[in-house]
């Protein structure tokens, strides 16, 4: 008759148990257990079977003990470190929020090893870089690439955002609203993350001589459709070609007013552009705050272009790459983006209320 203590545990459940055991036990406890079993005459194979560890670990721990290492002292030190873990985690969060140079390191970003060494400066603290890595994951941190951000310090920022929002919210059926910008298309591929086997790295060949084309795009805020033109130079003529395309697509009988939101790049205020706008009075340029790309929804559509076409690409001719971009803009979409949250901050709400009050006063 089988004994009552014999269990039938599914293989996946056993694997989960082993994973939990190996994640929570500490090296010195395993070492002490191995040494005690060796002292009563158990063989390495028996000990490995009992403790679910490898025989190489047993040989390594026994050799360390014969060299005179003090396991009990290590156990007491590790136990003291474990009791201070909540405090160490708080210190880790405080460290990660400051630059390494503030602590004398010749670095601009923290690594797990550097964080571990910095914590070792505290008396009696001993943690490994893998422990630091596990703590960071537990605290909600992940290792990923940073991104550039603009200054966004225009003194008229709130007023400009309020005006754009007022036009959006009060848009009439006979009015059209476009967000426009320019995109650089380089034959030299933009490098991005991709899945690849461990120990290998995907290679993207450089073109030798980099070639560039430029795309001017206008995103229709209501429909999410993109109008675009491509040129070899990013100048006023490229922007004028875009305005002409918008003029051709938006029939005069249907749209009596067309707003085009642009940034403060100099080609948008060139004399040729001013003259063209004077000859086409239904067009009006509305300018974004300086250094505020988040306020332009077309930037998100351009980010999609990079992800789908220009990142890690294998094209060897600029014409093929430009064709990929044009095909993407025609075949995918629409890009129906909502206004960014920066349009709904308290200061923009206040500026919008003042703008509406001024219009009512003027109308009266």
Protein backbone atom coordinates (compact mmCIF):
# COMPACT_ATOMS: atom_id res chain seq x y z
CA UNK A 1 0.00 0.00 0.00
CA UNK A 2 1.55 3.33 -1.01
CA UNK A 3 2.50 5.72 1.75
CA UNK A 4 0.23 8.68 2.43
CA UNK A 5 3.07 11.17 1.98
CA UNK A 6 3.71 10.26 -1.66
CA UNK A 7 2.27 12.99 -3.92
CA UNK A 8 1.57 13.21 -7.61
CA UNK A 9 2.44 16.77 -8.61
CA UNK A 10 2.16 17.90 -12.21
CA UNK A 11 5.44 18.68 -13.95
CA UNK A 12 4.55 22.32 -14.59
CA UNK A 13 3.57 22.78 -10.94
CA UNK A 14 6.84 21.22 -9.82
CA UNK A 15 8.72 23.59 -12.12
CA UNK A 16 6.88 26.55 -10.58
CA UNK A 17 7.74 25.30 -7.08
CA UNK A 18 11.41 24.97 -7.97
CA UNK A 19 11.43 28.44 -9.49
CA UNK A 20 9.92 29.89 -6.32
CA UNK A 21 12.36 27.97 -4.13
CA UNK A 22 15.40 29.15 -6.07
CA UNK A 23 14.14 32.73 -6.06
CA UNK A 24 13.66 32.95 -2.30
CA UNK A 25 16.43 30.87 -0.72
CA UNK A 26 19.87 32.32 -0.11
CA UNK A 27 23.26 30.92 -1.05
CA UNK A 28 24.60 30.65 2.49
CA UNK A 29 21.57 28.62 3.66
CA UNK A 30 22.08 26.14 0.83
CA UNK A 31 25.77 25.98 1.67
CA UNK A 32 25.10 25.24 5.35
CA UNK A 33 22.62 22.51 4.43
CA UNK A 34 25.13 20.92 2.06
CA UNK A 35 27.91 21.00 4.66
CA UNK A 36 25.69 19.36 7.30
CA UNK A 37 24.65 16.58 4.91
CA UNK A 38 28.29 16.01 3.98
CA UNK A 39 29.13 15.76 7.68
CA UNK A 40 26.69 12.81 8.11
CA UNK A 41 28.17 11.00 5.14
CA UNK A 42 25.74 11.73 2.30
CA UNK A 43 27.16 11.46 -1.19
CA UNK A 44 27.10 14.40 -3.65
CA UNK A 45 24.50 12.59 -5.79
CA UNK A 46 22.21 12.08 -2.81
CA UNK A 47 22.60 15.69 -1.67
CA UNK A 48 21.92 17.02 -5.17
CA UNK A 49 18.78 14.88 -5.31
CA UNK A 50 17.62 16.00 -1.87
CA UNK A 51 18.25 19.74 -2.35
CA UNK A 52 17.49 20.04 -6.08
CA UNK A 53 20.89 21.52 -6.84
CA UNK A 54 23.83 20.51 -9.02
CA UNK A 55 26.75 18.38 -7.88
CA UNK A 56 29.16 21.08 -9.06
CA UNK A 57 27.65 23.41 -6.46
CA UNK A 58 28.32 20.82 -3.79
CA UNK A 59 31.98 20.39 -4.80
CA UNK A 60 32.46 24.16 -4.93
CA UNK A 61 30.97 24.71 -1.45
CA UNK A 62 32.98 21.89 0.10
CA UNK A 63 36.19 23.24 -1.43
CA UNK A 64 35.40 26.71 -0.09
CA UNK A 65 34.83 25.29 3.37
CA UNK A 66 38.17 23.45 3.27
CA UNK A 67 39.85 26.75 2.37
CA UNK A 68 38.60 28.11 5.68
CA UNK A 69 35.75 30.39 4.64
CA UNK A 70 33.45 31.27 7.56
CA UNK A 71 29.92 30.33 6.56
CA UNK A 72 28.29 31.28 9.86
CA UNK A 73 29.79 34.77 9.73
CA UNK A 74 28.52 35.12 6.19
CA UNK A 75 25.11 33.89 7.31
CA UNK A 76 24.95 36.51 10.06
CA UNK A 77 26.05 39.25 7.65
CA UNK A 78 23.50 38.20 5.03
CA UNK A 79 20.77 37.98 7.66
CA UNK A 80 21.57 41.54 8.77
CA UNK A 81 21.47 42.68 5.15
CA UNK A 82 18.07 41.05 4.62
CA UNK A 83 16.62 42.87 7.62
CA UNK A 84 17.71 46.16 6.07
CA UNK A 85 16.28 45.41 2.62
CA UNK A 86 13.28 47.80 2.93
CA UNK A 87 15.67 50.62 3.80
CA UNK A 88 18.03 49.61 0.98
CA UNK A 89 15.19 49.65 -1.54
CA UNK A 90 14.25 53.17 -0.48
CA UNK A 91 17.90 54.17 -0.86
CA UNK A 92 17.95 52.55 -4.29
CA UNK A 93 14.98 54.64 -5.44
CA UNK A 94 16.69 57.77 -4.15
CA UNK A 95 19.91 56.86 -5.98
CA UNK A 96 18.22 56.14 -9.30
CA UNK A 97 16.63 59.58 -9.30
CA UNK A 98 20.04 61.29 -9.19
CA UNK A 99 22.95 61.14 -11.61
CA UNK A 100 26.00 58.96 -10.81
CA UNK A 101 28.27 62.02 -11.09
CA UNK A 102 26.64 63.41 -7.93
CA UNK A 103 28.33 60.54 -6.04
CA UNK A 104 31.71 60.82 -7.74
CA UNK A 105 31.19 58.31 -10.54
CA UNK A 106 32.46 59.16 -14.01
CA UNK A 107 29.17 58.02 -15.57
CA UNK A 108 25.98 59.57 -16.90
CA UNK A 109 23.63 56.65 -16.12
CA UNK A 110 23.39 53.95 -13.49
CA UNK A 111 24.13 50.27 -14.08
CA UNK A 112 23.15 47.49 -11.68
CA UNK A 113 26.80 46.91 -10.79
CA UNK A 114 27.38 50.61 -10.07
CA UNK A 115 24.27 50.79 -7.90
CA UNK A 116 25.42 47.72 -5.96
CA UNK A 117 28.86 49.26 -5.38
CA UNK A 118 27.29 52.52 -4.25
CA UNK A 119 25.11 50.68 -1.72
CA UNK A 120 28.19 48.79 -0.52
CA UNK A 121 29.48 52.12 0.80
CA UNK A 122 27.02 51.71 3.66
CA UNK A 123 28.48 49.68 6.58
CA UNK A 124 27.46 46.03 6.61
CA UNK A 125 25.65 46.15 3.26
CA UNK A 126 26.37 43.44 0.70
CA UNK A 127 24.08 42.98 -2.32
CA UNK A 128 24.85 41.69 -5.79
CA UNK A 129 24.07 43.38 -9.06
CA UNK A 130 21.49 40.66 -9.84
CA UNK A 131 19.72 41.48 -6.58
CA UNK A 132 19.69 45.12 -7.65
CA UNK A 133 18.24 44.11 -11.01
CA UNK A 134 15.49 42.08 -9.31
CA UNK A 135 14.67 44.94 -6.94
CA UNK A 136 14.41 47.42 -9.82
CA UNK A 137 11.94 45.16 -11.61
CA UNK A 138 9.94 44.79 -8.40
CA UNK A 139 9.88 48.58 -8.02
CA UNK A 140 8.49 49.02 -11.53
CA UNK A 141 11.70 50.03 -13.33
CA UNK A 142 12.81 48.68 -16.71
CA UNK A 143 15.90 49.13 -18.87
CA UNK A 144 14.92 51.05 -22.01
CA UNK A 145 16.11 53.81 -24.27
CA UNK A 146 15.64 57.45 -23.27
CA UNK A 147 14.10 59.95 -25.67
CA UNK A 148 14.82 63.53 -26.61
CA UNK A 149 12.48 66.24 -25.42
CA UNK A 150 12.23 69.89 -26.39
CA UNK A 151 12.52 72.85 -24.02
CA UNK A 152 8.85 73.85 -24.42
CA UNK A 153 9.39 77.25 -22.77
CA UNK A 154 7.50 79.60 -25.09
CA UNK A 155 6.14 82.52 -22.98
CA UNK A 156 2.97 82.52 -25.14
CA UNK A 157 2.57 78.76 -24.92
CA UNK A 158 -0.81 78.72 -23.15
CA UNK A 159 -2.30 81.41 -25.42
CA UNK A 160 -1.20 79.62 -28.61
CA UNK A 161 -2.51 76.26 -27.42
CA UNK A 162 -5.79 77.90 -26.37
CA UNK A 163 -6.25 79.42 -29.83
CA UNK A 164 -5.63 76.09 -31.56
CA UNK A 165 -8.05 74.37 -29.20
CA UNK A 166 -10.70 77.04 -29.74
CA UNK A 167 -10.50 76.56 -33.52
CA UNK A 168 -10.76 72.78 -33.11
CA UNK A 169 -13.75 72.94 -30.77
CA UNK A 170 -15.55 75.57 -32.85
CA UNK A 171 -14.79 74.14 -36.29
CA UNK A 172 -17.63 74.69 -38.78
CA UNK A 173 -18.58 72.25 -41.59
CA UNK A 174 -17.16 74.72 -44.10
CA UNK A 175 -13.78 74.85 -42.34
CA UNK A 176 -10.85 72.43 -42.53
CA UNK A 177 -8.02 71.97 -40.07
CA UNK A 178 -4.61 70.47 -40.93
CA UNK A 179 -1.54 69.84 -38.80
CA UNK A 180 1.57 70.08 -41.00
CA UNK A 181 5.26 69.34 -40.59
CA UNK A 182 8.30 68.05 -42.47
CA UNK A 183 9.99 64.64 -42.20
CA UNK A 184 13.59 63.78 -43.11
CA UNK A 185 14.00 60.52 -45.05
CA UNK A 186 17.59 59.25 -44.82
CA UNK A 187 19.05 56.34 -46.74
CA UNK A 188 21.15 55.73 -43.63
CA UNK A 189 18.75 53.60 -41.62
CA UNK A 190 17.52 54.68 -38.20
CA UNK A 191 18.55 51.97 -35.75
CA UNK A 192 15.90 50.52 -33.44
CA UNK A 193 15.24 47.55 -31.22
CA UNK A 194 14.43 44.19 -32.87
CA UNK A 195 14.18 40.54 -31.81
CA UNK A 196 17.36 38.58 -32.45
CA UNK A 197 18.98 35.42 -31.03
CA UNK A 198 21.05 35.82 -27.89
CA UNK A 199 24.72 36.36 -28.56
CA UNK A 200 24.07 37.83 -31.99
CA UNK A 201 23.37 41.31 -33.32
CA UNK A 202 21.58 42.13 -36.54
CA UNK A 203 23.77 44.20 -38.85
CA UNK A 204 22.34 47.04 -40.95
CA UNK A 205 24.66 48.06 -43.77
CA UNK A 206 25.52 51.75 -44.07
CA UNK A 207 25.01 53.28 -47.53
CA UNK A 208 28.51 54.76 -47.80
CA UNK A 209 27.21 58.15 -48.92
CA UNK A 210 24.02 59.10 -47.16
CA UNK A 211 21.22 60.42 -49.37
CA UNK A 212 18.25 62.44 -48.15
CA UNK A 213 14.79 63.34 -49.29
CA UNK A 214 12.24 65.36 -47.42
CA UNK A 215 8.52 64.83 -46.98
CA UNK A 216 6.05 67.57 -46.14
CA UNK A 217 2.84 66.15 -44.71
CA UNK A 218 -0.49 67.61 -43.61
CA UNK A 219 -2.78 65.60 -41.34
CA UNK A 220 -6.49 66.34 -41.65
CA UNK A 221 -7.65 66.52 -38.05
CA UNK A 222 -11.23 65.47 -38.80
CA UNK A 223 -10.63 62.58 -41.22
CA UNK A 224 -7.16 61.46 -40.13
CA UNK A 225 -6.00 61.32 -43.75
CA UNK A 226 -2.51 62.45 -44.72
CA UNK A 227 -1.60 64.65 -47.68
CA UNK A 228 2.11 64.60 -48.55
CA UNK A 229 4.69 65.78 -51.06
CA UNK A 230 8.35 64.78 -51.40
CA UNK A 231 11.31 66.92 -52.44
CA UNK A 232 15.10 66.86 -52.46
CA UNK A 233 15.34 70.01 -50.31
CA UNK A 234 13.52 71.15 -47.21
CA UNK A 235 12.76 74.70 -48.25
CA UNK A 236 9.88 77.08 -48.90
CA UNK A 237 9.09 75.45 -52.23
CA UNK A 238 8.46 72.11 -50.54
CA UNK A 239 6.01 73.75 -48.15
CA UNK A 240 4.35 75.66 -51.02
CA UNK A 241 3.86 72.38 -52.88
CA UNK A 242 2.08 71.03 -49.81
CA UNK A 243 -0.18 74.09 -49.60
CA UNK A 244 -1.04 73.68 -53.28
CA UNK A 245 -2.00 70.05 -52.72
CA UNK A 246 -4.25 71.07 -49.83
CA UNK A 247 -5.77 73.79 -52.00
CA UNK A 248 -6.45 71.27 -54.77
CA UNK A 249 -8.01 68.67 -52.44
CA UNK A 250 -10.17 71.11 -50.48
CA UNK A 251 -12.57 72.51 -53.07
CA UNK A 252 -13.52 76.14 -52.71
CA UNK A 253 -17.23 75.39 -52.96
CA UNK A 254 -16.99 73.11 -49.92
CA UNK A 255 -14.39 74.77 -47.70
CA UNK A 256 -14.31 78.53 -47.27
CA UNK A 257 -11.69 78.48 -44.54
CA UNK A 258 -8.59 76.28 -44.14
CA UNK A 259 -6.42 76.38 -41.03
CA UNK A 260 -2.92 74.90 -41.26
CA UNK A 261 -1.11 74.46 -37.93
CA UNK A 262 2.68 74.57 -38.30
CA UNK A 263 5.75 75.05 -36.14
CA UNK A 264 8.06 78.05 -36.21
CA UNK A 265 10.51 76.73 -38.81
CA UNK A 266 11.66 79.54 -41.10
CA UNK A 267 10.28 78.03 -44.35
CA UNK A 268 6.74 78.59 -43.01
CA UNK A 269 7.27 82.35 -42.84
CA UNK A 270 9.28 82.82 -46.04
CA UNK A 271 8.30 85.72 -48.32
CA UNK A 272 7.15 83.34 -51.05
CA UNK A 273 4.81 81.64 -48.58
CA UNK A 274 3.47 84.99 -47.33
CA UNK A 275 2.79 86.08 -50.91
CA UNK A 276 1.00 82.82 -51.71
CA UNK A 277 -1.18 83.12 -48.60
CA UNK A 278 -2.08 86.68 -49.57
CA UNK A 279 -3.31 85.38 -52.94
CA UNK A 280 -5.32 82.62 -51.22
CA UNK A 281 -7.20 84.37 -48.39
CA UNK A 282 -9.11 81.27 -47.27
CA UNK A 283 -5.82 79.85 -45.92
CA UNK A 284 -4.55 80.81 -42.48
CA UNK A 285 -1.37 79.58 -40.80
CA UNK A 286 -1.67 78.95 -37.06
CA UNK A 287 1.65 78.64 -35.25
CA UNK A 288 2.45 76.18 -32.50
CA UNK A 289 4.39 77.19 -29.38
CA UNK A 290 8.15 77.09 -29.87
CA UNK A 291 9.83 73.76 -29.04
CA UNK A 292 6.52 71.96 -28.47
CA UNK A 293 6.33 68.96 -30.85
CA UNK A 294 3.88 67.16 -28.54
CA UNK A 295 1.24 69.68 -29.59
CA UNK A 296 1.37 68.46 -33.22
CA UNK A 297 -0.50 65.18 -33.85
CA UNK A 298 1.30 64.71 -37.19
CA UNK A 299 4.46 63.88 -35.20
CA UNK A 300 2.80 60.65 -34.07
CA UNK A 301 2.00 59.73 -37.66
CA UNK A 302 5.62 60.45 -38.61
CA UNK A 303 6.74 58.22 -35.76
CA UNK A 304 4.65 55.46 -37.32
CA UNK A 305 6.45 56.10 -40.63
CA UNK A 306 9.80 55.55 -38.93
CA UNK A 307 8.65 52.33 -37.27
CA UNK A 308 7.15 50.91 -40.47
CA UNK A 309 9.62 52.16 -43.10
CA UNK A 310 12.88 53.82 -42.09
CA UNK A 311 14.00 51.89 -39.01
CA UNK A 312 16.46 49.04 -39.69
CA UNK A 313 15.54 49.09 -43.39
CA UNK A 314 17.59 47.26 -46.05
CA UNK A 315 17.00 49.61 -48.98
CA UNK A 316 20.04 50.62 -51.03
CA UNK A 317 18.33 53.33 -53.14
CA UNK A 318 16.64 56.43 -51.79
CA UNK A 319 13.90 56.16 -54.41
CA UNK A 320 12.88 52.73 -53.07
CA UNK A 321 12.81 54.01 -49.50
CA UNK A 322 10.71 57.02 -50.50
CA UNK A 323 8.37 54.63 -52.31
CA UNK A 324 7.94 52.63 -49.11
CA UNK A 325 7.03 55.80 -47.21
CA UNK A 326 4.51 56.93 -49.85
CA UNK A 327 2.96 53.47 -49.99
CA UNK A 328 2.65 53.42 -46.21
CA UNK A 329 0.93 56.81 -46.13
CA UNK A 330 -1.52 55.76 -48.85
CA UNK A 331 -2.17 52.21 -47.69
CA UNK A 332 -2.32 52.64 -43.92
CA UNK A 333 -4.19 55.09 -41.75
CA UNK A 334 -6.26 57.05 -41.11
CA UNK A 335 -4.42 58.57 -38.17
CA UNK A 336 -7.30 59.88 -36.08
CA UNK A 337 -5.35 61.27 -33.15
CA UNK A 338 -6.88 63.34 -30.39
CA UNK A 339 -5.23 66.46 -29.09
CA UNK A 340 -2.50 65.89 -26.54
CA UNK A 341 -3.19 66.32 -22.83
CA UNK A 342 -1.13 69.52 -22.86
CA UNK A 343 -4.13 71.21 -24.52
CA UNK A 344 -6.24 70.54 -21.40
CA UNK A 345 -4.06 71.84 -18.59
CA UNK A 346 -5.41 74.47 -16.16
CA UNK A 347 -3.38 77.30 -17.68
CA UNK A 348 -4.67 76.48 -21.17
CA UNK A 349 -8.24 76.28 -19.84
CA UNK A 350 -7.83 79.73 -18.30
CA UNK A 351 -6.33 81.16 -21.50
CA UNK A 352 -9.19 79.64 -23.50
CA UNK A 353 -11.78 81.21 -21.18
CA UNK A 354 -10.11 84.60 -21.55
CA UNK A 355 -10.04 84.20 -25.34
CA UNK A 356 -13.75 83.34 -25.48
CA UNK A 357 -14.60 86.27 -23.20
CA UNK A 358 -12.59 88.65 -25.37
CA UNK A 359 -14.40 87.46 -28.49
CA UNK A 360 -17.80 87.91 -26.86
CA UNK A 361 -16.84 91.41 -25.74
CA UNK A 362 -15.65 92.29 -29.23
CA UNK A 363 -18.83 90.93 -30.80
CA UNK A 364 -20.98 92.97 -28.39
